[in-house]
Amino acid sequence: QAGDTLYVEKGKWIGRIGTITKDLTIIAAQNDCQEAASAGVTIDGHDTSSSFGGVAEIGPEVDVTFVNLTLTNGDATEGGILYVKNANLILDSTNLTFGNASKSGGGLQLVENSTAVMKNNSEIVNCSAVDEGAVGGGVAMFDSHLSLYDTSRIGDYLEGNLSTLSGGGVYIDGGTLTLHDTSRIRSNQAYDYGGGIFALGGATVTLQDSASIGYVFASANNMAADGAGIFLEGNGTSLVMEDNSTIQNNTAGGYGGGVFIRAGSRLSMNSASIIDNDAVNRGGGIYTQDAARVDIDNGSLIANNRTTDSLGTGGGLYIYGDSVTITITHSSVMTNTADYYGGVRIFGDQSTSQLILESGSSISYNEATVGDGGGIGVF
């Protein structure tokens, strides 16, 4: 009945749950099924192919909670493990693993104003969306909302998620993605754009409480051709970084090791850092283009980013095209390196693009290892 709690005995249970259309809590149980267990229950979809949700399809208008479970080996067109439509989902100490979607959302797909919460070290790992043009290796979201708490993770060491097109970790088109409490998106890969996150459609991504895209160890890097940490696309799309959050140790094969931001999207940093990221060609830390806006404030740091090609430029920041505005206030761009223009490279229409240094800001100790412009290069 609606609102029931289902206790599942320890062990591996083979087969797809099916469609959940009532409020339900599913909990790992002790062998006598009289009380909850901390782990030991796996629900295995057995790679049975379905259209929506390889392990379960949820909705509409229901509240579903999974506690202390592993949901694995799902295969679907959309939502390799779970597909959530106009419903609410809680993953509590629950892992989604080895899901595959041919179109979108290798681990989880949220659509039609769905809301999901991951808490107590929940993970989405080893999931993929790998057919041609597929998006969201770990998660695909469409006008929906996802929050991570308590060091929950999308991707982990040697257990990243993969997308052939965009959003190796998360693909978000509209809605919100919020990371709290040192939660992380790391070790994911997209062949084209947004190794950690690809955001568009007016989506808002927020990092707070020391949350991170990437991690302190390079082995946890996100990877993509462009925008290895996060790729922001289009008017109204934004990334907000605050409370010691970081984008760190991500690697782009082309542009934007940490962040690629274009077409009217926006980045706001407040006591946050973009550090230790690499891009082969341009913008080791941040690559901006076409009416993008960046505000770096309150002790934020762009540091130790690099371009690695012999003609690489803009180790810290690369500003390209028209109507880009970057404002730096009480913050630093420092110790970034490139063969040319180690700190900041400005290329394009300088009459409409602006780099504004407000009080207490500095561009210092950057290095051009071969050519001109250790600090700033304008061309």
Protein backbone atom coordinates (compact mmCIF):
# COMPACT_ATOMS: atom_id res chain seq x y z
CA GLN A 1 0.00 0.00 0.00
CA ALA A 2 1.04 3.63 -0.38
CA GLY A 3 3.46 4.62 2.36
CA ASP A 4 4.61 1.08 3.16
CA THR A 5 8.15 0.13 4.17
CA LEU A 6 9.60 -2.92 2.46
CA TYR A 7 12.44 -4.74 4.27
CA VAL A 8 14.67 -6.76 1.94
CA GLU A 9 16.63 -9.70 3.35
CA LYS A 10 20.42 -9.72 2.95
CA GLY A 11 21.74 -11.16 -0.28
CA LYS A 12 21.61 -10.52 -4.02
CA TRP A 13 18.18 -10.30 -5.60
CA ILE A 14 18.06 -10.78 -9.35
CA GLY A 15 15.52 -9.03 -11.53
CA ARG A 16 14.04 -5.66 -12.27
CA ILE A 17 11.78 -4.09 -9.61
CA GLY A 18 9.50 -2.67 -12.28
CA THR A 19 7.38 0.48 -12.01
CA ILE A 20 6.77 2.06 -8.59
CA THR A 21 3.56 4.08 -8.56
CA LYS A 22 2.97 4.42 -4.79
CA ASP A 23 4.91 6.00 -1.94
CA LEU A 24 7.43 3.39 -0.77
CA THR A 25 10.55 2.96 1.37
CA ILE A 26 12.83 0.01 0.58
CA ILE A 27 15.39 -0.85 3.29
CA ALA A 28 18.14 -3.45 3.64
CA ALA A 29 17.18 -5.78 6.49
CA GLN A 30 18.72 -8.26 8.88
CA ASN A 31 18.16 -11.94 8.08
CA ASP A 32 14.98 -12.03 10.11
CA CYS A 33 13.64 -8.94 8.29
CA GLN A 34 12.65 -7.44 11.63
CA GLU A 35 15.13 -4.55 11.62
CA ALA A 36 17.25 -2.57 9.23
CA ALA A 37 20.77 -3.61 8.23
CA SER A 38 23.59 -1.23 7.40
CA ALA A 39 24.41 -3.00 4.13
CA GLY A 40 24.44 -6.38 2.41
CA VAL A 41 21.51 -6.13 -0.01
CA THR A 42 21.96 -5.89 -3.77
CA ILE A 43 19.16 -5.61 -6.30
CA ASP A 44 20.57 -6.70 -9.65
CA GLY A 45 18.68 -5.78 -12.80
CA HIS A 46 20.58 -8.54 -14.62
CA ASP A 47 21.08 -6.21 -17.61
CA THR A 48 17.50 -6.81 -18.70
CA SER A 49 16.83 -4.14 -21.31
CA SER A 50 13.92 -1.73 -20.81
CA SER A 51 12.87 1.64 -22.13
CA PHE A 52 12.84 3.48 -18.78
CA GLY A 53 14.74 2.49 -15.66
CA GLY A 54 16.83 -0.65 -15.92
CA VAL A 55 16.14 -1.49 -12.25
CA ALA A 56 13.07 0.67 -11.54
CA GLU A 57 10.84 3.31 -13.06
CA ILE A 58 9.38 5.73 -10.48
CA GLY A 59 6.37 8.02 -10.71
CA PRO A 60 4.43 10.08 -11.25
CA GLU A 61 3.67 11.96 -7.99
CA VAL A 62 5.19 9.51 -5.53
CA ASP A 63 7.88 9.63 -2.81
CA VAL A 64 10.36 6.74 -2.92
CA THR A 65 13.33 6.11 -0.59
CA PHE A 66 16.08 3.50 -0.88
CA VAL A 67 18.16 2.85 2.29
CA ASN A 68 21.44 0.91 2.57
CA LEU A 69 21.08 -0.77 -0.81
CA THR A 70 23.11 -1.35 -3.95
CA LEU A 71 21.17 -1.15 -7.20
CA THR A 72 23.22 -2.52 -10.08
CA ASN A 73 23.40 -3.91 -13.62
CA GLY A 74 20.52 -2.00 -15.15
CA ASP A 75 20.15 -1.38 -18.87
CA ALA A 76 17.65 1.02 -20.43
CA THR A 77 17.19 3.60 -23.14
CA GLU A 78 16.81 6.29 -20.45
CA GLY A 79 17.85 5.89 -16.82
CA GLY A 80 20.13 2.86 -16.75
CA ILE A 81 19.35 2.12 -13.07
CA LEU A 82 16.51 4.50 -12.11
CA TYR A 83 14.13 6.66 -14.15
CA VAL A 84 12.17 9.21 -12.10
CA LYS A 85 9.26 11.12 -13.67
CA ASN A 86 7.51 13.91 -11.74
CA ALA A 87 8.38 12.21 -8.45
CA ASN A 88 10.62 12.51 -5.38
CA LEU A 89 13.55 10.20 -4.70
CA ILE A 90 15.89 9.77 -1.71
CA LEU A 91 19.05 7.67 -1.91
CA ASP A 92 20.20 7.12 1.68
CA SER A 93 23.49 5.19 1.95
CA THR A 94 22.56 3.70 -1.40
CA ASN A 95 24.76 3.14 -4.44
CA LEU A 96 23.83 2.98 -8.12
CA THR A 97 26.46 0.98 -10.02
CA PHE A 98 27.08 -0.44 -13.49
CA GLY A 99 24.06 1.10 -15.17
CA ASN A 100 23.95 1.72 -18.89
CA ALA A 101 21.63 3.93 -20.92
CA SER A 102 21.73 4.09 -24.68
CA LYS A 103 20.34 7.66 -24.74
CA SER A 104 20.69 9.42 -21.36
CA GLY A 105 21.27 8.92 -17.66
CA GLY A 106 23.47 5.86 -17.24
CA GLY A 107 22.76 5.69 -13.51
CA LEU A 108 19.82 8.02 -12.91
CA GLN A 109 17.46 10.13 -15.00
CA LEU A 110 15.20 12.83 -13.55
CA VAL A 111 12.47 14.44 -15.67
CA GLU A 112 9.42 16.70 -15.32
CA ASN A 113 10.27 18.57 -12.12
CA SER A 114 11.46 15.55 -10.20
CA THR A 115 13.48 16.03 -7.02
CA ALA A 116 16.23 13.73 -5.76
CA VAL A 117 18.48 13.73 -2.68
CA MET A 118 21.66 11.71 -2.22
CA LYS A 119 22.86 11.52 1.40
CA ASN A 120 25.03 9.55 3.82
CA ASN A 121 27.79 8.68 1.34
CA SER A 122 25.54 7.55 -1.47
CA GLU A 123 27.32 7.02 -4.80
CA ILE A 124 26.61 6.79 -8.53
CA VAL A 125 29.63 5.05 -10.08
CA ASN A 126 30.69 2.94 -13.06
CA CYS A 127 27.66 3.99 -15.09
CA SER A 128 27.63 4.96 -18.76
CA ALA A 129 25.70 6.50 -21.62
CA VAL A 130 27.75 5.35 -24.55
CA ASP A 131 25.68 5.17 -27.74
CA GLU A 132 26.39 7.89 -30.28
CA GLY A 133 25.17 11.24 -28.93
CA ALA A 134 24.34 9.88 -25.48
CA VAL A 135 24.49 12.26 -22.49
CA GLY A 136 24.76 12.01 -18.72
CA GLY A 137 26.97 9.03 -17.94
CA GLY A 138 26.08 9.18 -14.26
CA VAL A 139 22.97 11.38 -14.16
CA ALA A 140 20.77 13.12 -16.74
CA MET A 141 18.38 15.81 -15.50
CA PHE A 142 15.69 17.71 -17.37
CA ASP A 143 13.97 20.57 -15.50
CA SER A 144 14.56 18.70 -12.24
CA HIS A 145 16.50 19.07 -9.00
CA LEU A 146 19.27 17.05 -7.35
CA SER A 147 21.06 17.71 -4.04
CA LEU A 148 24.07 15.84 -2.65
CA TYR A 149 24.88 15.75 1.09
CA ASP A 150 27.28 14.03 3.48
CA THR A 151 30.19 13.36 1.11
CA SER A 152 27.97 11.71 -1.48
CA ARG A 153 29.66 11.25 -4.83
CA ILE A 154 28.98 11.00 -8.54
CA GLY A 155 32.06 9.16 -9.75
CA ASP A 156 34.90 8.02 -7.50
CA TYR A 157 38.48 6.77 -7.72
CA LEU A 158 38.75 4.35 -10.64
CA GLU A 159 34.96 4.22 -10.68
CA GLY A 160 34.00 7.13 -12.88
CA ASN A 161 31.00 7.49 -15.15
CA LEU A 162 31.25 7.90 -18.94
CA SER A 163 29.32 9.72 -21.66
CA THR A 164 30.10 9.69 -25.36
CA LEU A 165 28.88 13.27 -25.86
CA SER A 166 28.31 15.54 -22.84
CA GLY A 167 28.14 15.35 -19.07
CA GLY A 168 30.28 12.42 -18.02
CA GLY A 169 29.13 12.84 -14.43
CA VAL A 170 25.97 14.95 -14.79
CA TYR A 171 24.05 16.39 -17.73
CA ILE A 172 21.60 19.06 -16.53
CA ASP A 173 19.16 20.87 -18.84
CA GLY A 174 17.20 23.28 -16.64
CA GLY A 175 16.63 22.86 -12.91
CA THR A 176 19.20 22.83 -10.11
CA LEU A 177 22.15 20.76 -8.96
CA THR A 178 23.52 21.52 -5.47
CA LEU A 179 26.51 19.96 -3.72
CA HIS A 180 26.80 20.29 0.07
CA ASP A 181 29.03 18.87 2.82
CA THR A 182 32.20 17.99 0.85
CA SER A 183 30.18 16.11 -1.75
CA ARG A 184 32.12 15.47 -4.96
CA ILE A 185 31.85 14.91 -8.68
CA ARG A 186 35.09 13.26 -9.75
CA SER A 187 36.77 10.72 -12.05
CA ASN A 188 34.16 11.09 -14.80
CA GLN A 189 34.71 11.45 -18.54
CA ALA A 190 32.84 12.87 -21.53
CA TYR A 191 34.34 12.43 -24.95
CA ASP A 192 33.23 15.93 -25.98
CA TYR A 193 31.96 18.45 -23.39
CA GLY A 194 31.73 18.60 -19.61
CA GLY A 195 33.64 15.74 -18.06
CA GLY A 196 32.21 16.42 -14.62
CA ILE A 197 29.09 18.44 -15.50
CA PHE A 198 27.47 19.80 -18.65
CA ALA A 199 24.86 22.47 -17.83
CA LEU A 200 22.50 24.32 -20.15
CA GLY A 201 18.92 25.53 -20.43
CA GLY A 202 19.14 28.02 -17.56
CA ALA A 203 20.30 25.40 -15.07
CA THR A 204 21.93 26.50 -11.79
CA VAL A 205 24.80 24.49 -10.33
CA THR A 206 25.86 25.40 -6.77
CA LEU A 207 28.95 24.22 -4.88
CA GLN A 208 29.10 24.99 -1.17
CA ASP A 209 30.43 23.61 2.13
CA SER A 210 33.81 22.56 0.60
CA ALA A 211 32.15 20.59 -2.19
CA SER A 212 34.30 19.86 -5.24
CA ILE A 213 34.40 19.03 -8.93
CA GLY A 214 37.54 16.94 -9.21
CA TYR A 215 39.61 16.47 -6.07
CA VAL A 216 42.94 17.11 -4.40
CA PHE A 217 44.47 14.04 -6.05
CA ALA A 218 45.04 14.10 -9.79
CA SER A 219 43.87 10.48 -10.05
CA ALA A 220 40.36 11.76 -9.32
CA ASN A 221 40.26 14.14 -12.28
CA ASN A 222 37.33 14.61 -14.63
CA MET A 223 38.21 14.59 -18.34
CA ALA A 224 36.70 15.95 -21.56
CA ALA A 225 37.74 17.53 -24.82
CA ASP A 226 36.44 20.91 -23.56
CA GLY A 227 35.30 21.94 -20.09
CA ALA A 228 36.74 19.03 -18.17
CA GLY A 229 35.37 20.14 -14.80
CA ILE A 230 32.19 21.84 -15.98
CA PHE A 231 30.87 23.21 -19.27
CA LEU A 232 28.28 26.04 -19.02
CA GLU A 233 26.15 26.82 -22.07
CA GLY A 234 23.58 29.54 -22.75
CA ASN A 235 21.77 32.49 -21.19
CA GLY A 236 20.66 31.97 -17.61
CA THR A 237 22.91 28.97 -17.03
CA SER A 238 25.13 29.55 -14.00
CA LEU A 239 27.67 28.08 -11.62
CA VAL A 240 27.84 29.46 -8.07
CA MET A 241 30.90 28.53 -5.99
CA GLU A 242 31.12 29.49 -2.32
CA ASP A 243 32.22 28.36 1.15
CA ASN A 244 35.66 26.97 0.16
CA SER A 245 34.36 24.91 -2.74
CA THR A 246 36.86 23.88 -5.40
CA ILE A 247 37.28 22.84 -9.02
CA GLN A 248 40.59 20.97 -8.98
CA ASN A 249 42.74 18.58 -11.02
CA ASN A 250 40.57 18.30 -14.11
CA THR A 251 42.04 17.74 -17.57
CA ALA A 252 40.77 19.01 -20.95
CA GLY A 253 42.15 17.84 -24.26
CA GLY A 254 41.35 21.24 -25.78
CA TYR A 255 39.93 24.25 -23.92
CA GLY A 256 38.89 24.91 -20.34
CA GLY A 257 40.55 22.53 -17.91
CA GLY A 258 38.45 23.70 -14.97
CA VAL A 259 35.55 25.62 -16.54
CA PHE A 260 34.36 26.33 -20.09
CA ILE A 261 31.76 29.10 -20.09
CA ARG A 262 30.04 30.66 -23.11
CA ALA A 263 26.93 32.09 -24.75
CA GLY A 264 25.68 34.24 -21.90
CA SER A 265 26.29 31.81 -19.06
CA ARG A 266 27.77 32.97 -15.74
CA LEU A 267 30.27 31.93 -13.07
CA SER A 268 30.22 33.47 -9.58
CA MET A 269 32.98 32.70 -7.06
CA ASN A 270 32.91 33.72 -3.40
CA SER A 271 35.68 32.28 -1.21
CA ALA A 272 36.25 29.50 -3.73
CA SER A 273 39.13 28.10 -5.79
CA ILE A 274 39.85 26.86 -9.31
CA ILE A 275 43.25 25.22 -8.99
CA ASP A 276 45.58 22.62 -10.52
CA ASN A 277 43.59 22.13 -13.72
CA ASP A 278 45.10 21.42 -17.16
CA ALA A 279 44.02 22.21 -20.71
CA VAL A 280 46.08 21.28 -23.73
CA ASN A 281 45.39 24.43 -25.75
CA ARG A 282 43.61 27.32 -24.01
CA GLY A 283 42.39 28.25 -20.57
CA GLY A 284 43.92 25.87 -18.07
CA GLY A 285 41.69 27.24 -15.33
CA ILE A 286 38.83 29.04 -17.13
CA TYR A 287 37.97 29.49 -20.81
CA THR A 288 35.33 32.16 -21.55
CA GLN A 289 33.59 33.01 -24.80
CA ASP A 290 30.72 35.05 -26.26
CA ALA A 291 28.98 37.19 -23.62
CA ALA A 292 30.04 35.05 -20.70
CA ARG A 293 30.29 36.71 -17.30
CA VAL A 294 32.64 35.80 -14.46
CA ASP A 295 32.71 37.37 -10.97
CA ILE A 296 35.64 36.34 -8.75
CA ASP A 297 35.27 37.73 -5.23
CA ASN A 298 36.10 37.54 -1.52
CA GLY A 299 39.43 35.76 -1.42
CA SER A 300 38.82 33.45 -4.35
CA LEU A 301 41.79 31.95 -6.12
CA ILE A 302 42.67 30.97 -9.69
CA ALA A 303 46.03 29.22 -9.23
CA ASN A 304 48.42 26.55 -10.45
CA ASN A 305 46.47 25.93 -13.65
CA ARG A 306 48.32 25.09 -16.86
CA THR A 307 48.13 24.73 -20.62
CA THR A 308 50.34 21.89 -21.75
CA ASP A 309 50.71 22.22 -25.54
CA SER A 310 53.81 23.87 -26.99
CA LEU A 311 51.57 26.69 -28.25
CA GLY A 312 49.21 26.69 -25.25
CA THR A 313 47.96 30.07 -24.02
CA GLY A 314 46.10 31.46 -21.04
CA GLY A 315 47.21 29.22 -18.20
CA GLY A 316 44.85 30.85 -15.73
CA LEU A 317 42.17 32.53 -17.86
CA TYR A 318 41.44 32.74 -21.58
CA ILE A 319 38.99 35.41 -22.76
CA TYR A 320 37.79 34.99 -26.33
CA GLY A 321 35.21 36.75 -28.48
CA ASP A 322 32.81 39.59 -27.79
CA SER A 323 31.08 40.98 -24.71
CA VAL A 324 32.87 38.88 -22.10
CA THR A 325 33.12 40.49 -18.65
CA ILE A 326 35.42 39.23 -15.92
CA THR A 327 35.51 41.12 -12.60
CA ILE A 328 38.06 40.26 -9.92
CA THR A 329 37.57 41.70 -6.42
CA HIS A 330 39.75 40.92 -3.37
CA SER A 331 40.97 37.79 -5.16
CA SER A 332 44.05 36.47 -6.96
CA VAL A 333 45.15 34.95 -10.26
CA MET A 334 48.56 33.50 -9.49
CA THR A 335 51.18 30.84 -10.28
CA ASN A 336 49.51 29.75 -13.50
CA THR A 337 51.67 28.68 -16.45
CA ALA A 338 51.53 28.44 -20.23
CA ASP A 339 54.05 28.66 -23.03
CA TYR A 340 52.43 31.99 -23.91
CA TYR A 341 50.40 34.33 -21.67
CA GLY A 342 50.64 32.42 -18.43
CA GLY A 343 48.14 34.39 -16.36
CA VAL A 344 45.41 35.87 -18.60
CA ARG A 345 45.01 35.85 -22.38
CA ILE A 346 42.52 38.27 -23.99
CA PHE A 347 41.83 37.60 -27.66
CA GLY A 348 39.02 39.15 -29.66
CA ASP A 349 37.11 42.42 -29.59
CA GLN A 350 38.63 44.33 -26.67
CA SER A 351 36.11 47.13 -27.22
CA THR A 352 33.32 44.92 -25.86
CA SER A 353 35.16 42.44 -23.59
CA GLN A 354 36.44 43.55 -20.19
CA LEU A 355 38.82 42.39 -17.50
CA ILE A 356 38.13 44.49 -14.41
CA LEU A 357 40.43 44.44 -11.39
CA GLU A 358 38.76 45.88 -8.32
CA SER A 359 40.37 46.70 -4.96
CA GLY A 360 42.49 44.06 -3.29
CA SER A 361 42.97 41.99 -6.44
CA SER A 362 46.18 40.73 -8.00
CA ILE A 363 47.54 38.94 -11.04
CA SER A 364 50.96 37.72 -9.92
CA TYR A 365 53.66 35.06 -10.18
CA ASN A 366 52.26 33.69 -13.43
CA GLU A 367 54.70 32.42 -16.04
CA ALA A 368 54.93 32.33 -19.83
CA THR A 369 57.60 29.66 -20.25
CA VAL A 370 58.40 30.37 -23.93
CA GLY A 371 56.91 33.64 -25.14
CA ASP A 372 55.34 36.89 -23.98
CA GLY A 373 52.77 37.78 -21.37
CA GLY A 374 53.59 36.21 -18.04
CA GLY A 375 50.77 38.19 -16.45
CA ILE A 376 48.35 39.47 -19.12
CA GLY A 377 48.44 39.28 -22.90
CA VAL A 378 46.06 41.31 -25.09
CA PHE A 379 45.80 40.67 -28.80
